Amino acid sequence: MIWFLRILFGVVLASMMAVTSWAGGQCGLFAIPPTVLHHPWFIATLFDAYWGFVTFYVWVAWKERATMARLLWFAAIVLLGNLAMASFVMRELVAVDAGDPGALDRVIIKQNPGRLALPGALAVAGVVVYLGAWLS
């Protein structure tokens, strides 16, 4: 199961990087036409995505013991969405032995001391992406 999840979240991470890079090459992040921006299904999709981010974040906040790590993960998830979420899960998955029968339990329930490097880098990347898009 651990290998399957590593592949799944690797695909999520790679595909999100690819599609956001492709979209960024097509048009600016804030170049959404008003007809799309105000479309009910666009709004519903944003609500759906962000409530999904909040739901995932509740798990992250429980797993991460350090307040700063929790705050950085929140910023990363809100700014980068599934890129940050897949990064979090991949970090958890590579930290366990795939052959260990209790590995999945540790991925799901083992709390972390709250390392700052990955969520900090992702939060900064998210801010840079949004500032760059806003300034261009």
N, C-alpha and C. Protein backbone atom coordinates (compact mmCIF):
# COMPACT_ATOMS: atom_id res chain seq x y z
N MET A 1 0.81 -1.20 0.00
CA MET A 1 0.00 0.00 0.00
C MET A 1 0.86 1.26 0.00
N ILE A 2 1.97 1.23 0.73
CA ILE A 2 2.84 2.41 0.79
C ILE A 2 3.38 2.74 -0.60
N TRP A 3 3.78 1.72 -1.36
CA TRP A 3 4.30 1.99 -2.71
C TRP A 3 3.21 2.57 -3.60
N PHE A 4 2.01 2.02 -3.51
CA PHE A 4 0.89 2.56 -4.28
C PHE A 4 0.67 4.03 -3.95
N LEU A 5 0.66 4.36 -2.66
CA LEU A 5 0.44 5.74 -2.24
C LEU A 5 1.59 6.65 -2.67
N ARG A 6 2.81 6.15 -2.63
CA ARG A 6 3.95 6.94 -3.11
C ARG A 6 3.79 7.26 -4.59
N ILE A 7 3.38 6.26 -5.36
CA ILE A 7 3.18 6.49 -6.80
C ILE A 7 2.02 7.45 -7.01
N LEU A 8 0.90 7.22 -6.32
CA LEU A 8 -0.28 8.08 -6.46
C LEU A 8 0.06 9.54 -6.16
N PHE A 9 0.68 9.79 -5.01
CA PHE A 9 0.96 11.17 -4.65
C PHE A 9 2.12 11.75 -5.45
N GLY A 10 3.00 10.90 -5.97
CA GLY A 10 4.02 11.36 -6.91
C GLY A 10 3.37 11.84 -8.21
N VAL A 11 2.36 11.09 -8.67
CA VAL A 11 1.62 11.49 -9.87
C VAL A 11 0.85 12.79 -9.62
N VAL A 12 0.22 12.89 -8.46
CA VAL A 12 -0.50 14.13 -8.11
C VAL A 12 0.46 15.31 -8.14
N LEU A 13 1.61 15.15 -7.49
CA LEU A 13 2.59 16.23 -7.43
C LEU A 13 3.11 16.59 -8.82
N ALA A 14 3.50 15.59 -9.60
CA ALA A 14 4.03 15.84 -10.95
C ALA A 14 2.98 16.44 -11.87
N SER A 15 1.75 15.92 -11.81
CA SER A 15 0.72 16.44 -12.71
C SER A 15 0.31 17.86 -12.33
N MET A 16 0.28 18.16 -11.03
CA MET A 16 -0.05 19.52 -10.62
C MET A 16 1.06 20.49 -11.02
N MET A 17 2.30 20.06 -10.90
CA MET A 17 3.41 20.91 -11.37
C MET A 17 3.29 21.15 -12.87
N ALA A 18 3.00 20.08 -13.62
CA ALA A 18 2.89 20.20 -15.07
C ALA A 18 1.73 21.09 -15.49
N VAL A 19 0.56 20.86 -14.92
CA VAL A 19 -0.61 21.62 -15.36
C VAL A 19 -0.52 23.08 -14.91
N THR A 20 0.04 23.36 -13.74
CA THR A 20 0.16 24.76 -13.33
C THR A 20 1.24 25.46 -14.14
N SER A 21 2.31 24.75 -14.50
CA SER A 21 3.33 25.35 -15.37
C SER A 21 2.75 25.63 -16.75
N TRP A 22 2.00 24.68 -17.27
CA TRP A 22 1.35 24.87 -18.58
C TRP A 22 0.39 26.05 -18.53
N ALA A 23 -0.47 26.09 -17.50
CA ALA A 23 -1.45 27.17 -17.39
C ALA A 23 -0.75 28.52 -17.25
N GLY A 24 0.33 28.56 -16.46
CA GLY A 24 1.08 29.80 -16.30
C GLY A 24 1.70 30.28 -17.60
N GLY A 25 2.04 29.35 -18.48
CA GLY A 25 2.58 29.73 -19.79
C GLY A 25 1.51 30.19 -20.76
N GLN A 26 0.27 29.84 -20.50
CA GLN A 26 -0.84 30.23 -21.36
C GLN A 26 -1.38 31.62 -21.05
N CYS A 27 -1.48 31.92 -19.76
CA CYS A 27 -2.00 33.23 -19.36
C CYS A 27 -1.64 33.47 -17.90
N GLY A 28 -1.76 34.71 -17.49
CA GLY A 28 -1.43 35.08 -16.12
C GLY A 28 -2.42 34.50 -15.12
N LEU A 29 -1.95 34.31 -13.90
CA LEU A 29 -2.76 33.73 -12.84
C LEU A 29 -4.03 34.53 -12.58
N PHE A 30 -3.95 35.84 -12.66
CA PHE A 30 -5.10 36.69 -12.37
C PHE A 30 -5.80 37.18 -13.63
N ALA A 31 -5.56 36.53 -14.76
CA ALA A 31 -6.18 36.92 -16.02
C ALA A 31 -7.46 36.13 -16.27
N ILE A 32 -8.21 35.87 -15.23
CA ILE A 32 -9.46 35.12 -15.34
C ILE A 32 -10.53 36.06 -15.88
N PRO A 33 -11.16 35.71 -16.99
CA PRO A 33 -12.22 36.58 -17.53
C PRO A 33 -13.36 36.74 -16.52
N PRO A 34 -13.94 37.94 -16.45
CA PRO A 34 -15.04 38.18 -15.50
C PRO A 34 -16.19 37.19 -15.65
N THR A 35 -16.47 36.74 -16.87
CA THR A 35 -17.57 35.78 -17.06
C THR A 35 -17.27 34.47 -16.33
N VAL A 36 -16.01 34.08 -16.29
CA VAL A 36 -15.62 32.85 -15.58
C VAL A 36 -15.59 33.13 -14.08
N LEU A 37 -14.98 34.24 -13.71
CA LEU A 37 -14.81 34.59 -12.30
C LEU A 37 -16.13 34.65 -11.54
N HIS A 38 -17.19 35.07 -12.21
CA HIS A 38 -18.49 35.21 -11.57
C HIS A 38 -19.44 34.06 -11.87
N HIS A 39 -18.95 33.06 -12.58
CA HIS A 39 -19.80 31.91 -12.92
C HIS A 39 -20.07 31.09 -11.66
N PRO A 40 -21.33 30.70 -11.43
CA PRO A 40 -21.67 29.95 -10.21
C PRO A 40 -20.84 28.67 -10.02
N TRP A 41 -20.54 27.97 -11.09
CA TRP A 41 -19.77 26.73 -10.94
C TRP A 41 -18.31 27.01 -10.63
N PHE A 42 -17.77 28.11 -11.08
CA PHE A 42 -16.41 28.51 -10.71
C PHE A 42 -16.36 28.78 -9.21
N ILE A 43 -17.34 29.52 -8.72
CA ILE A 43 -17.41 29.84 -7.29
C ILE A 43 -17.61 28.56 -6.47
N ALA A 44 -18.51 27.68 -6.91
CA ALA A 44 -18.76 26.42 -6.20
C ALA A 44 -17.50 25.56 -6.18
N THR A 45 -16.76 25.54 -7.28
CA THR A 45 -15.53 24.75 -7.35
C THR A 45 -14.48 25.31 -6.40
N LEU A 46 -14.37 26.63 -6.30
CA LEU A 46 -13.44 27.23 -5.35
C LEU A 46 -13.82 26.88 -3.91
N PHE A 47 -15.09 26.97 -3.59
CA PHE A 47 -15.55 26.59 -2.25
C PHE A 47 -15.20 25.13 -1.97
N ASP A 48 -15.47 24.27 -2.94
CA ASP A 48 -15.19 22.84 -2.78
C ASP A 48 -13.70 22.60 -2.55
N ALA A 49 -12.87 23.25 -3.35
CA ALA A 49 -11.43 23.07 -3.22
C ALA A 49 -10.93 23.58 -1.86
N TYR A 50 -11.33 24.77 -1.48
CA TYR A 50 -10.81 25.34 -0.24
C TYR A 50 -11.36 24.64 1.01
N TRP A 51 -12.58 24.14 0.97
CA TRP A 51 -13.06 23.35 2.11
C TRP A 51 -12.31 22.02 2.16
N GLY A 52 -11.94 21.48 1.01
CA GLY A 52 -11.09 20.29 0.99
C GLY A 52 -9.73 20.59 1.59
N PHE A 53 -9.17 21.75 1.27
CA PHE A 53 -7.89 22.15 1.84
C PHE A 53 -7.98 22.27 3.36
N VAL A 54 -9.07 22.88 3.84
CA VAL A 54 -9.25 23.03 5.29
C VAL A 54 -9.39 21.66 5.95
N THR A 55 -10.14 20.78 5.34
CA THR A 55 -10.31 19.43 5.88
C THR A 55 -8.97 18.72 6.00
N PHE A 56 -8.17 18.77 4.94
CA PHE A 56 -6.84 18.15 4.97
C PHE A 56 -5.97 18.83 6.03
N TYR A 57 -6.06 20.15 6.10
CA TYR A 57 -5.24 20.89 7.06
C TYR A 57 -5.53 20.48 8.51
N VAL A 58 -6.76 20.14 8.82
CA VAL A 58 -7.09 19.71 10.18
C VAL A 58 -6.22 18.50 10.56
N TRP A 59 -6.06 17.58 9.62
CA TRP A 59 -5.20 16.42 9.86
C TRP A 59 -3.74 16.86 10.02
N VAL A 60 -3.29 17.74 9.15
CA VAL A 60 -1.91 18.24 9.23
C VAL A 60 -1.67 18.92 10.57
N ALA A 61 -2.60 19.76 10.99
CA ALA A 61 -2.44 20.48 12.26
C ALA A 61 -2.39 19.52 13.44
N TRP A 62 -3.11 18.40 13.35
CA TRP A 62 -3.05 17.41 14.41
C TRP A 62 -1.69 16.70 14.40
N LYS A 63 -1.17 16.39 13.21
CA LYS A 63 0.08 15.65 13.11
C LYS A 63 1.29 16.50 13.49
N GLU A 64 1.28 17.78 13.17
CA GLU A 64 2.41 18.65 13.43
C GLU A 64 2.25 19.28 14.81
N ARG A 65 3.20 19.08 15.68
CA ARG A 65 3.10 19.58 17.06
C ARG A 65 3.50 21.04 17.20
N ALA A 66 4.40 21.52 16.38
CA ALA A 66 4.91 22.89 16.52
C ALA A 66 3.95 23.89 15.87
N THR A 67 3.65 24.94 16.60
CA THR A 67 2.73 25.97 16.11
C THR A 67 3.24 26.59 14.81
N MET A 68 4.53 26.88 14.73
CA MET A 68 5.06 27.49 13.51
C MET A 68 4.91 26.56 12.31
N ALA A 69 5.14 25.27 12.51
CA ALA A 69 4.96 24.30 11.42
C ALA A 69 3.49 24.29 10.98
N ARG A 70 2.59 24.34 11.94
CA ARG A 70 1.16 24.37 11.61
C ARG A 70 0.82 25.61 10.78
N LEU A 71 1.34 26.75 11.18
CA LEU A 71 1.06 28.00 10.45
C LEU A 71 1.65 27.96 9.04
N LEU A 72 2.87 27.46 8.93
CA LEU A 72 3.51 27.37 7.61
C LEU A 72 2.77 26.40 6.70
N TRP A 73 2.34 25.26 7.25
CA TRP A 73 1.58 24.31 6.44
C TRP A 73 0.24 24.92 6.02
N PHE A 74 -0.39 25.69 6.90
CA PHE A 74 -1.64 26.33 6.52
C PHE A 74 -1.41 27.28 5.34
N ALA A 75 -0.38 28.11 5.43
CA ALA A 75 -0.07 29.04 4.34
C ALA A 75 0.23 28.28 3.06
N ALA A 76 1.04 27.23 3.15
CA ALA A 76 1.41 26.45 1.97
C ALA A 76 0.18 25.82 1.33
N ILE A 77 -0.70 25.24 2.14
CA ILE A 77 -1.89 24.57 1.60
C ILE A 77 -2.85 25.57 0.98
N VAL A 78 -3.05 26.71 1.63
CA VAL A 78 -3.96 27.72 1.08
C VAL A 78 -3.40 28.32 -0.21
N LEU A 79 -2.09 28.52 -0.26
CA LEU A 79 -1.48 29.14 -1.44
C LEU A 79 -1.23 28.16 -2.59
N LEU A 80 -0.85 26.92 -2.26
CA LEU A 80 -0.46 25.97 -3.30
C LEU A 80 -1.40 24.77 -3.44
N GLY A 81 -2.35 24.65 -2.56
CA GLY A 81 -3.35 23.59 -2.68
C GLY A 81 -2.77 22.19 -2.72
N ASN A 82 -3.14 21.45 -3.75
CA ASN A 82 -2.74 20.05 -3.85
C ASN A 82 -1.24 19.85 -4.00
N LEU A 83 -0.52 20.84 -4.47
CA LEU A 83 0.94 20.74 -4.51
C LEU A 83 1.49 20.59 -3.09
N ALA A 84 1.02 21.42 -2.19
CA ALA A 84 1.48 21.36 -0.80
C ALA A 84 0.95 20.09 -0.13
N MET A 85 -0.29 19.74 -0.40
CA MET A 85 -0.87 18.56 0.23
C MET A 85 -0.14 17.29 -0.20
N ALA A 86 0.15 17.17 -1.48
CA ALA A 86 0.88 16.00 -1.97
C ALA A 86 2.30 15.98 -1.41
N SER A 87 2.90 17.15 -1.25
CA SER A 87 4.24 17.22 -0.66
C SER A 87 4.23 16.74 0.78
N PHE A 88 3.20 17.12 1.54
CA PHE A 88 3.08 16.67 2.92
C PHE A 88 2.96 15.15 2.98
N VAL A 89 2.07 14.60 2.17
CA VAL A 89 1.86 13.15 2.19
C VAL A 89 3.11 12.42 1.73
N MET A 90 3.77 12.92 0.70
CA MET A 90 5.01 12.27 0.23
C MET A 90 6.07 12.29 1.33
N ARG A 91 6.18 13.39 2.05
CA ARG A 91 7.14 13.45 3.15
C ARG A 91 6.83 12.36 4.18
N GLU A 92 5.57 12.17 4.48
CA GLU A 92 5.17 11.14 5.44
C GLU A 92 5.44 9.75 4.89
N LEU A 93 5.18 9.54 3.61
CA LEU A 93 5.34 8.21 3.00
C LEU A 93 6.79 7.79 2.85
N VAL A 94 7.68 8.73 2.56
CA VAL A 94 9.09 8.34 2.40
C VAL A 94 9.78 8.14 3.75
N ALA A 95 9.13 8.55 4.82
CA ALA A 95 9.71 8.41 6.15
C ALA A 95 9.48 7.02 6.76
N VAL A 96 8.70 6.18 6.07
CA VAL A 96 8.41 4.85 6.60
C VAL A 96 8.95 3.78 5.66
N ASP A 97 9.17 2.60 6.22
CA ASP A 97 9.61 1.44 5.45
C ASP A 97 8.39 0.82 4.78
N ALA A 98 8.41 0.74 3.46
CA ALA A 98 7.26 0.23 2.71
C ALA A 98 6.93 -1.22 3.06
N GLY A 99 7.90 -1.99 3.52
CA GLY A 99 7.67 -3.39 3.86
C GLY A 99 7.15 -3.60 5.27
N ASP A 100 7.10 -2.57 6.06
CA ASP A 100 6.64 -2.68 7.45
C ASP A 100 5.12 -2.71 7.48
N PRO A 101 4.51 -3.75 8.07
CA PRO A 101 3.05 -3.84 8.10
C PRO A 101 2.38 -2.68 8.85
N GLY A 102 3.07 -2.03 9.75
CA GLY A 102 2.49 -0.90 10.50
C GLY A 102 2.81 0.45 9.90
N ALA A 103 3.40 0.48 8.71
CA ALA A 103 3.84 1.74 8.11
C ALA A 103 2.68 2.69 7.85
N LEU A 104 1.60 2.18 7.31
CA LEU A 104 0.47 3.05 6.98
C LEU A 104 -0.14 3.65 8.25
N ASP A 105 -0.19 2.85 9.32
CA ASP A 105 -0.68 3.39 10.59
C ASP A 105 0.18 4.57 11.05
N ARG A 106 1.50 4.44 10.90
CA ARG A 106 2.40 5.53 11.31
C ARG A 106 2.21 6.76 10.43
N VAL A 107 1.98 6.55 9.14
CA VAL A 107 1.75 7.68 8.23
C VAL A 107 0.51 8.45 8.69
N ILE A 108 -0.52 7.73 9.05
CA ILE A 108 -1.79 8.37 9.37
C ILE A 108 -1.82 8.95 10.78
N ILE A 109 -1.26 8.25 11.77
CA ILE A 109 -1.48 8.69 13.15
C ILE A 109 -0.25 9.19 13.90
N LYS A 110 0.94 8.92 13.41
CA LYS A 110 2.14 9.37 14.15
C LYS A 110 2.28 10.88 14.05
N GLN A 111 2.40 11.52 15.20
CA GLN A 111 2.58 12.97 15.21
C GLN A 111 4.06 13.31 14.98
N ASN A 112 4.29 14.47 14.43
CA ASN A 112 5.63 14.95 14.11
C ASN A 112 6.03 16.08 15.06
N PRO A 113 7.33 16.25 15.27
CA PRO A 113 7.76 17.35 16.14
C PRO A 113 7.51 18.72 15.53
N GLY A 114 7.31 18.78 14.23
CA GLY A 114 7.03 20.06 13.59
C GLY A 114 8.23 20.66 12.89
N ARG A 115 8.74 19.95 11.92
CA ARG A 115 9.88 20.46 11.14
C ARG A 115 9.42 21.61 10.25
N LEU A 116 10.29 22.59 10.06
CA LEU A 116 9.89 23.82 9.39
C LEU A 116 10.39 23.96 7.95
N ALA A 117 11.39 23.19 7.55
CA ALA A 117 12.02 23.41 6.24
C ALA A 117 11.04 23.27 5.08
N LEU A 118 10.36 22.14 4.98
CA LEU A 118 9.46 21.92 3.85
C LEU A 118 8.27 22.87 3.86
N PRO A 119 7.54 23.00 4.96
CA PRO A 119 6.41 23.93 4.91
C PRO A 119 6.86 25.37 4.72
N GLY A 120 8.03 25.73 5.27
CA GLY A 120 8.56 27.07 5.07
C GLY A 120 8.87 27.34 3.62
N ALA A 121 9.55 26.38 2.97
CA ALA A 121 9.90 26.55 1.55
C ALA A 121 8.65 26.63 0.69
N LEU A 122 7.66 25.79 0.99
CA LEU A 122 6.43 25.82 0.20
C LEU A 122 5.64 27.11 0.42
N ALA A 123 5.58 27.58 1.66
CA ALA A 123 4.87 28.83 1.94
C ALA A 123 5.53 30.00 1.22
N VAL A 124 6.86 30.05 1.26
CA VAL A 124 7.59 31.11 0.55
C VAL A 124 7.36 31.00 -0.95
N ALA A 125 7.40 29.78 -1.49
CA ALA A 125 7.15 29.59 -2.92
C ALA A 125 5.75 30.06 -3.29
N GLY A 126 4.77 29.77 -2.45
CA GLY A 126 3.41 30.22 -2.71
C GLY A 126 3.30 31.73 -2.74
N VAL A 127 3.93 32.39 -1.78
CA VAL A 127 3.92 33.85 -1.74
C VAL A 127 4.61 34.42 -2.98
N VAL A 128 5.73 33.85 -3.36
CA VAL A 128 6.47 34.32 -4.54
C VAL A 128 5.61 34.16 -5.80
N VAL A 129 4.94 33.03 -5.95
CA VAL A 129 4.09 32.80 -7.12
C VAL A 129 2.98 33.85 -7.19
N TYR A 130 2.30 34.07 -6.08
CA TYR A 130 1.20 35.03 -6.09
C TYR A 130 1.67 36.47 -6.26
N LEU A 131 2.76 36.82 -5.60
CA LEU A 131 3.30 38.18 -5.79
C LEU A 131 3.78 38.38 -7.22
N GLY A 132 4.46 37.37 -7.76
CA GLY A 132 4.92 37.47 -9.15
C GLY A 132 3.76 37.62 -10.12
N ALA A 133 2.70 36.88 -9.89
CA ALA A 133 1.53 36.97 -10.77
C ALA A 133 0.83 38.31 -10.62
N TRP A 134 0.78 38.81 -9.40
CA TRP A 134 0.11 40.08 -9.15
C TRP A 134 0.90 41.24 -9.74
N LEU A 135 2.23 41.18 -9.67
CA LEU A 135 3.07 42.27 -10.14
C LEU A 135 3.26 42.27 -11.66
N SER A 136 2.97 41.14 -12.30
CA SER A 136 3.21 41.10 -13.76
C SER A 136 2.01 41.55 -14.55
